[in-house]
Amino acid sequence: MNVNQFPDRIIEIDQKQYLYFGGTAYLGLPKNKVFQELVIKNIQKWGTTYGSSRSANIKLTAFEKGETFLAKHIKAEAAVTVSSGMLAGKLVIEQLKKQTDSFFHFPDNHPAIQVDNSLPVFIDNRINPRLLDSKSEKITFLADAVTGFQTEAIDLSILASIPHHKEITLVIDESHSLGVLGKNGCGIYSEINFPIKKKIMVSSLGKAFGLTGGVIASDASFINQIHHLNTFISAAGMNPAFVQTLADAEDLYKTQHQILIENLNYIDTLLIKNDVIKFDKSYPLIYLKNGNLIEVLKANKIIIANFKYQENSDNLNRIVITANHLKEDLDQLISIINDYNS
């Protein structure tokens, strides 16, 4: 379906208007007038792009301000922005390959943090015996904070059972949890308190935060290592107008997050729970296990997300709630779902 304008809560297809519950703009920022004005103001100050290396002799204060905000918001010692969430993941993997003896991955990781020779954390639903052997080594775990088809943060408690002679680094991709989970949408990074040597967070900023770019957050030493990577040095940074907007929109991020939480709590009071609906009031997705409901919703002028997230995977049939959805939108959606499943 081709559309000629940004799909917010209303989408127009073939000159007909539908309610839209798709995308990843969880905080509703791309169409938020206040947010747009901040972006426009910063484009007027910083231009539409800046194609220079971050290591050049001219340093733009926009980067310092935006990255200081991100580190504070995520509750990390330091943060650095890059042009995309994908690049954030690839840079971290590039650096960790120099420091890691073995990589282990949780199920269903995004390609941004996949490594060719990585081993599965679980084999037949049990911990990989390789993680419990007597070998002293540096290992890195790779995990998405919230994987596809899930509505809550990943369970990382398995990390507590790894023997102490394994030095653990954790890489967590928060592209779908930053701005959504945690206090004011800080994500789950600050809540990870297992006995590990280092934790590193990567995320797209093009989801909840509404700006094209990516972020890496960790201790100051690791972020300094990223700054010295040839790939980082030779690549242009994130649009400085966007990085400045991150800092300027601090209060707006909190406000929109609160509206999103109110929408989710409202849904929780209305939605009839059953085996074909997956929903948690802390997360803005409703997964439908019955694909037939998609056509019922469409017949009632409602479009949801329906696509293959990765090749050879099952279709994602998911309803995405944003801060821009009105109570009457939610009433209409939930009424149809409840009627269908009653």
Protein backbone atom coordinates (compact mmCIF):
# COMPACT_ATOMS: atom_id res chain seq x y z
CA MET A 1 0.00 0.00 0.00
CA ASN A 2 1.53 3.28 -1.13
CA VAL A 3 0.75 6.45 0.81
CA ASN A 4 1.53 10.10 0.06
CA GLN A 5 2.02 11.43 3.57
CA PHE A 6 3.45 10.34 6.92
CA PRO A 7 1.26 7.58 8.41
CA ASP A 8 0.31 8.92 11.84
CA ARG A 9 -2.93 7.88 13.61
CA ILE A 10 -4.76 8.51 10.33
CA ILE A 11 -3.60 7.05 7.02
CA GLU A 12 -5.09 7.71 3.58
CA ILE A 13 -5.20 4.87 1.07
CA ASP A 14 -6.94 5.21 -2.32
CA GLN A 15 -8.54 8.44 -1.10
CA LYS A 16 -10.07 6.67 1.90
CA GLN A 17 -9.11 7.39 5.50
CA TYR A 18 -8.22 4.61 7.92
CA LEU A 19 -7.08 4.52 11.52
CA TYR A 20 -3.44 3.43 11.54
CA PHE A 21 -1.86 1.26 14.22
CA GLY A 22 1.54 0.48 12.71
CA GLY A 23 5.04 1.89 12.44
CA THR A 24 7.49 2.50 15.28
CA ALA A 25 6.82 6.14 16.22
CA TYR A 26 5.86 5.11 19.73
CA LEU A 27 5.97 8.64 21.17
CA GLY A 28 4.19 10.14 18.17
CA LEU A 29 6.95 12.66 17.53
CA PRO A 30 7.33 12.83 13.72
CA LYS A 31 3.97 14.66 13.45
CA ASN A 32 4.18 16.50 16.77
CA LYS A 33 4.11 20.25 16.03
CA VAL A 34 6.29 21.23 18.99
CA PHE A 35 8.87 18.61 18.05
CA GLN A 36 8.81 19.67 14.41
CA GLU A 37 9.43 23.27 15.42
CA LEU A 38 12.48 22.21 17.44
CA VAL A 39 13.84 20.29 14.43
CA ILE A 40 13.19 23.22 12.06
CA LYS A 41 14.86 25.67 14.44
CA ASN A 42 17.93 23.46 14.67
CA ILE A 43 18.10 22.90 10.92
CA GLN A 44 18.12 26.68 10.52
CA LYS A 45 21.04 26.83 12.98
CA TRP A 46 23.01 23.71 12.03
CA GLY A 47 21.99 23.16 8.40
CA THR A 48 20.41 20.11 6.78
CA THR A 49 23.49 17.89 7.17
CA TYR A 50 27.16 18.00 8.11
CA GLY A 51 29.35 15.65 6.11
CA SER A 52 32.57 16.05 8.06
CA SER A 53 34.30 13.51 10.30
CA ARG A 54 33.67 13.78 14.02
CA SER A 55 37.47 13.79 14.41
CA ALA A 56 37.95 16.95 12.32
CA ASN A 57 39.48 20.05 13.91
CA ILE A 58 36.09 21.82 13.96
CA LYS A 59 33.87 20.48 16.77
CA LEU A 60 30.14 21.21 16.80
CA THR A 61 28.66 21.79 20.26
CA ALA A 62 25.41 20.12 19.10
CA PHE A 63 27.06 16.72 19.53
CA GLU A 64 28.22 17.43 23.07
CA LYS A 65 24.77 18.65 24.12
CA GLY A 66 22.83 15.80 22.56
CA GLU A 67 25.18 13.09 23.74
CA THR A 68 25.27 14.49 27.26
CA PHE A 69 21.47 14.32 27.30
CA LEU A 70 21.46 10.73 26.02
CA ALA A 71 23.97 9.54 28.61
CA LYS A 72 21.93 11.17 31.38
CA HIS A 73 18.64 9.82 30.04
CA ILE A 74 19.93 6.26 29.56
CA LYS A 75 21.79 6.51 32.91
CA ALA A 76 25.11 5.59 31.37
CA GLU A 77 28.54 7.06 31.98
CA ALA A 78 28.89 8.19 28.36
CA ALA A 79 27.17 8.04 24.97
CA VAL A 80 28.02 8.73 21.35
CA THR A 81 25.70 9.23 18.37
CA VAL A 82 26.15 7.78 14.88
CA SER A 83 24.16 7.98 11.67
CA SER A 84 21.99 4.90 12.30
CA GLY A 85 21.14 2.19 14.80
CA MET A 86 22.57 -0.39 12.38
CA LEU A 87 25.93 1.41 12.35
CA ALA A 88 25.85 1.65 16.16
CA GLY A 89 25.60 -2.13 16.37
CA LYS A 90 28.26 -2.77 13.73
CA LEU A 91 30.75 -0.39 15.38
CA VAL A 92 30.31 -2.08 18.75
CA ILE A 93 30.77 -5.53 17.22
CA GLU A 94 33.86 -4.34 15.33
CA GLN A 95 35.48 -3.14 18.55
CA LEU A 96 34.45 -6.14 20.63
CA LYS A 97 35.90 -8.62 18.14
CA LYS A 98 39.31 -7.36 19.31
CA GLN A 99 38.45 -8.05 22.95
CA THR A 100 36.26 -11.17 22.89
CA ASP A 101 37.19 -14.84 22.84
CA SER A 102 33.64 -16.10 22.24
CA PHE A 103 30.30 -14.52 21.32
CA PHE A 104 26.94 -15.91 22.47
CA HIS A 105 23.55 -14.75 21.23
CA PHE A 106 20.06 -14.83 22.67
CA PRO A 107 17.30 -15.88 20.24
CA ASP A 108 15.96 -13.56 17.52
CA ASN A 109 18.57 -10.82 17.63
CA HIS A 110 18.44 -7.96 15.13
CA PRO A 111 21.08 -8.17 12.35
CA ALA A 112 22.77 -5.06 13.78
CA ILE A 113 24.26 -7.18 16.57
CA GLN A 114 24.74 -10.52 14.86
CA VAL A 115 28.18 -12.15 14.59
CA ASP A 116 28.92 -15.00 12.17
CA ASN A 117 30.70 -17.26 14.66
CA SER A 118 28.39 -16.55 17.60
CA LEU A 119 27.04 -19.49 19.61
CA PRO A 120 23.49 -19.82 20.95
CA VAL A 121 22.92 -19.13 24.65
CA PHE A 122 20.34 -21.91 24.72
CA ILE A 123 20.36 -25.36 23.12
CA ASP A 124 17.06 -27.26 23.31
CA ASN A 125 15.81 -24.68 25.83
CA ARG A 126 18.73 -25.32 28.19
CA ILE A 127 21.85 -23.24 28.77
CA ASN A 128 24.64 -24.00 26.34
CA PRO A 129 27.12 -26.28 28.22
CA ARG A 130 29.92 -24.29 26.62
CA LEU A 131 29.00 -21.42 28.99
CA LEU A 132 29.53 -23.61 32.04
CA ASP A 133 32.85 -25.22 31.19
CA SER A 134 36.14 -24.61 33.01
CA LYS A 135 37.71 -22.45 30.31
CA SER A 136 38.69 -18.95 31.46
CA GLU A 137 37.82 -16.50 28.70
CA LYS A 138 36.25 -13.21 27.74
CA ILE A 139 32.73 -13.72 26.41
CA THR A 140 30.20 -11.32 24.95
CA PHE A 141 26.44 -11.83 25.08
CA LEU A 142 24.30 -10.28 22.33
CA ALA A 143 20.62 -9.56 23.05
CA ASP A 144 17.66 -7.49 21.92
CA ALA A 145 15.94 -5.78 24.84
CA VAL A 146 12.57 -6.72 23.32
CA THR A 147 12.55 -9.30 20.54
CA GLY A 148 9.93 -9.76 17.83
CA PHE A 149 6.61 -11.27 18.95
CA GLN A 150 7.33 -10.22 22.56
CA THR A 151 5.71 -7.53 24.71
CA GLU A 152 8.12 -7.43 27.63
CA ALA A 153 11.84 -7.07 28.22
CA ILE A 154 14.11 -10.05 27.74
CA ASP A 155 14.90 -12.22 30.77
CA LEU A 156 18.65 -11.96 31.35
CA SER A 157 18.72 -13.84 34.66
CA ILE A 158 20.73 -16.64 33.00
CA LEU A 159 23.76 -14.31 33.27
CA ALA A 160 23.82 -14.86 37.03
CA SER A 161 24.58 -18.55 36.52
CA ILE A 162 27.72 -18.04 34.41
CA PRO A 163 30.86 -19.07 36.39
CA HIS A 164 33.17 -16.31 37.56
CA HIS A 165 36.11 -17.36 35.39
CA LYS A 166 34.10 -16.12 32.40
CA GLU A 167 34.53 -12.35 31.98
CA ILE A 168 31.18 -11.14 30.64
CA THR A 169 30.34 -8.24 28.33
CA LEU A 170 26.68 -7.67 27.46
CA VAL A 171 25.50 -5.87 24.32
CA ILE A 172 21.82 -4.94 24.49
CA ASP A 173 19.94 -3.52 21.49
CA GLU A 174 17.30 -1.11 22.81
CA SER A 175 15.87 0.11 19.52
CA HIS A 176 12.37 -0.92 20.61
CA SER A 177 12.67 -0.16 24.33
CA LEU A 178 14.46 3.21 24.50
CA GLY A 179 11.78 5.86 24.96
CA VAL A 180 9.25 3.18 25.96
CA LEU A 181 10.36 1.07 28.93
CA GLY A 182 11.82 2.36 32.19
CA LYS A 183 11.35 5.65 34.01
CA ASN A 184 10.57 8.39 31.49
CA GLY A 185 11.49 5.89 28.77
CA CYS A 186 15.12 5.47 29.82
CA GLY A 187 15.15 1.86 28.62
CA ILE A 188 16.40 -1.17 30.55
CA TYR A 189 20.18 -0.52 30.47
CA SER A 190 20.32 1.00 33.95
CA GLU A 191 18.31 -1.88 35.45
CA ILE A 192 20.78 -4.58 34.33
CA ASN A 193 22.75 -5.33 37.49
CA PHE A 194 24.12 -8.82 37.00
CA PRO A 195 27.77 -9.57 37.87
CA ILE A 196 29.22 -8.64 34.49
CA LYS A 197 32.38 -6.80 33.48
CA LYS A 198 30.84 -4.41 30.96
CA LYS A 199 27.45 -3.55 29.49
CA ILE A 200 26.94 -1.72 26.22
CA MET A 201 23.69 -0.37 24.86
CA VAL A 202 23.02 0.31 21.18
CA SER A 203 19.82 1.74 19.74
CA SER A 204 18.21 3.36 16.79
CA LEU A 205 16.91 6.86 17.50
CA GLY A 206 14.48 6.61 14.59
CA LYS A 207 11.81 4.79 16.62
CA ALA A 208 10.47 6.41 19.81
CA PHE A 209 12.91 9.34 19.67
CA GLY A 210 11.74 10.40 16.22
CA LEU A 211 15.12 11.25 14.63
CA THR A 212 17.31 9.46 12.10
CA GLY A 213 20.40 8.25 13.92
CA GLY A 214 21.78 5.80 16.43
CA VAL A 215 23.40 5.79 19.86
CA ILE A 216 25.97 3.74 21.74
CA ALA A 217 26.04 4.06 25.53
CA SER A 218 28.48 2.47 27.99
CA ASP A 219 31.34 3.42 30.29
CA ALA A 220 33.51 6.33 29.20
CA SER A 221 36.47 4.08 28.36
CA PHE A 222 34.53 2.02 25.81
CA ILE A 223 32.91 5.08 24.23
CA ASN A 224 36.41 6.54 23.84
CA GLN A 225 37.43 3.35 22.01
CA ILE A 226 34.53 3.86 19.59
CA HIS A 227 35.71 7.43 18.95
CA HIS A 228 39.08 6.03 17.83
CA LEU A 229 37.76 3.35 15.46
CA ASN A 230 38.71 4.02 11.84
CA THR A 231 35.13 3.29 10.78
CA PHE A 232 33.84 5.95 13.18
CA ILE A 233 36.49 8.49 12.21
CA SER A 234 35.91 8.06 8.47
CA ALA A 235 32.11 8.24 8.66
CA ALA A 236 30.05 11.41 8.89
CA GLY A 237 28.18 11.75 12.15
CA MET A 238 24.48 11.96 12.87
CA ASN A 239 22.84 15.14 11.58
CA PRO A 240 23.90 17.79 14.16
CA ALA A 241 20.50 19.49 13.94
CA PHE A 242 18.95 16.20 15.07
CA VAL A 243 21.51 15.68 17.84
CA GLN A 244 20.81 19.17 19.19
CA THR A 245 17.08 18.41 19.05
CA LEU A 246 17.61 15.42 21.35
CA ALA A 247 18.76 17.77 24.10
CA ASP A 248 16.10 20.40 23.36
CA ALA A 249 13.27 17.85 23.44
CA GLU A 250 14.09 16.44 26.89
CA ASP A 251 10.83 17.62 28.49
CA LEU A 252 8.77 16.65 25.45
CA TYR A 253 10.11 13.09 25.59
CA LYS A 254 8.86 12.83 29.18
CA THR A 255 5.46 14.30 28.33
CA GLN A 256 4.88 12.03 25.34
CA HIS A 257 6.02 9.00 27.31
CA GLN A 258 3.43 9.75 29.99
CA ILE A 259 0.69 10.06 27.35
CA LEU A 260 1.75 6.72 25.87
CA ILE A 261 1.58 5.06 29.29
CA GLU A 262 -1.91 6.50 29.82
CA ASN A 263 -3.03 5.05 26.48
CA LEU A 264 -1.66 1.62 27.41
CA ASN A 265 -3.34 1.67 30.82
CA TYR A 266 -6.60 2.62 29.11
CA ILE A 267 -6.33 -0.33 26.74
CA ASP A 268 -5.61 -2.63 29.65
CA THR A 269 -8.96 -1.72 31.23
CA LEU A 270 -10.88 -2.53 28.01
CA LEU A 271 -9.14 -5.39 26.25
CA ILE A 272 -10.46 -8.89 26.90
CA LYS A 273 -7.36 -11.08 27.30
CA ASN A 274 -7.20 -14.54 25.69
CA ASP A 275 -4.79 -16.95 24.01
CA VAL A 276 -4.86 -15.22 20.61
CA ILE A 277 -3.96 -11.77 21.98
CA LYS A 278 -0.55 -10.89 23.40
CA PHE A 279 -0.49 -7.59 25.28
CA ASP A 280 1.28 -6.11 28.30
CA LYS A 281 0.31 -2.67 29.57
CA SER A 282 3.96 -1.60 29.81
CA TYR A 283 4.59 -2.06 26.09
CA PRO A 284 2.86 -0.43 23.07
CA LEU A 285 2.24 -3.55 20.96
CA ILE A 286 -0.63 -5.97 20.67
CA TYR A 287 0.31 -9.16 18.81
CA LEU A 288 -2.42 -11.06 17.01
CA LYS A 289 -1.95 -14.80 16.68
CA ASN A 290 -5.01 -14.99 14.39
CA GLY A 291 -4.22 -13.41 11.01
CA ASN A 292 -7.92 -13.43 10.03
CA LEU A 293 -8.51 -10.46 12.30
CA ILE A 294 -6.40 -8.28 10.00
CA GLU A 295 -9.08 -8.32 7.29
CA VAL A 296 -11.82 -7.70 9.86
CA LEU A 297 -9.99 -4.63 11.09
CA LYS A 298 -9.37 -3.42 7.54
CA ALA A 299 -13.09 -3.79 6.74
CA ASN A 300 -13.68 -1.49 9.71
CA LYS A 301 -11.19 1.09 8.39
CA ILE A 302 -8.26 0.08 10.61
CA ILE A 303 -4.79 -0.79 9.26
CA ILE A 304 -2.16 -2.54 11.39
CA ALA A 305 1.42 -3.69 10.79
CA ASN A 306 1.61 -6.95 8.82
CA PHE A 307 4.94 -8.03 7.34
CA LYS A 308 7.89 -10.42 7.62
CA TYR A 309 10.45 -8.85 9.96
CA GLN A 310 13.21 -11.15 8.74
CA GLU A 311 13.46 -13.54 5.81
CA ASN A 312 11.92 -16.96 6.46
CA SER A 313 10.17 -15.73 9.62
CA ASP A 314 6.44 -15.77 10.32
CA ASN A 315 4.41 -12.67 9.55
CA LEU A 316 4.35 -10.04 12.29
CA ASN A 317 0.72 -9.15 12.88
CA ARG A 318 1.06 -6.35 15.36
CA ILE A 319 -0.98 -3.41 16.51
CA VAL A 320 1.21 -0.46 17.45
CA ILE A 321 -0.06 2.07 19.98
CA THR A 322 1.44 5.56 19.99
CA ALA A 323 1.09 8.66 22.11
CA ASN A 324 -0.90 10.26 19.27
CA HIS A 325 -3.81 7.81 19.38
CA LEU A 326 -6.96 9.30 20.85
CA LYS A 327 -9.27 7.54 23.28
CA GLU A 328 -11.91 7.22 20.55
CA ASP A 329 -9.32 5.48 18.32
CA LEU A 330 -8.60 2.99 21.08
CA ASP A 331 -12.30 2.48 21.79
CA GLN A 332 -12.93 1.58 18.15
CA LEU A 333 -9.94 -0.76 17.95
CA ILE A 334 -10.63 -2.64 21.17
CA SER A 335 -14.36 -2.95 20.48
CA ILE A 336 -13.65 -4.78 17.21
CA ILE A 337 -11.03 -7.06 18.79
CA ASN A 338 -13.28 -7.91 21.75
CA ASP A 339 -16.28 -8.60 19.49
CA TYR A 340 -14.21 -10.86 17.26
CA ASN A 341 -12.81 -12.87 20.17
CA SER A 342 -16.00 -13.09 22.23
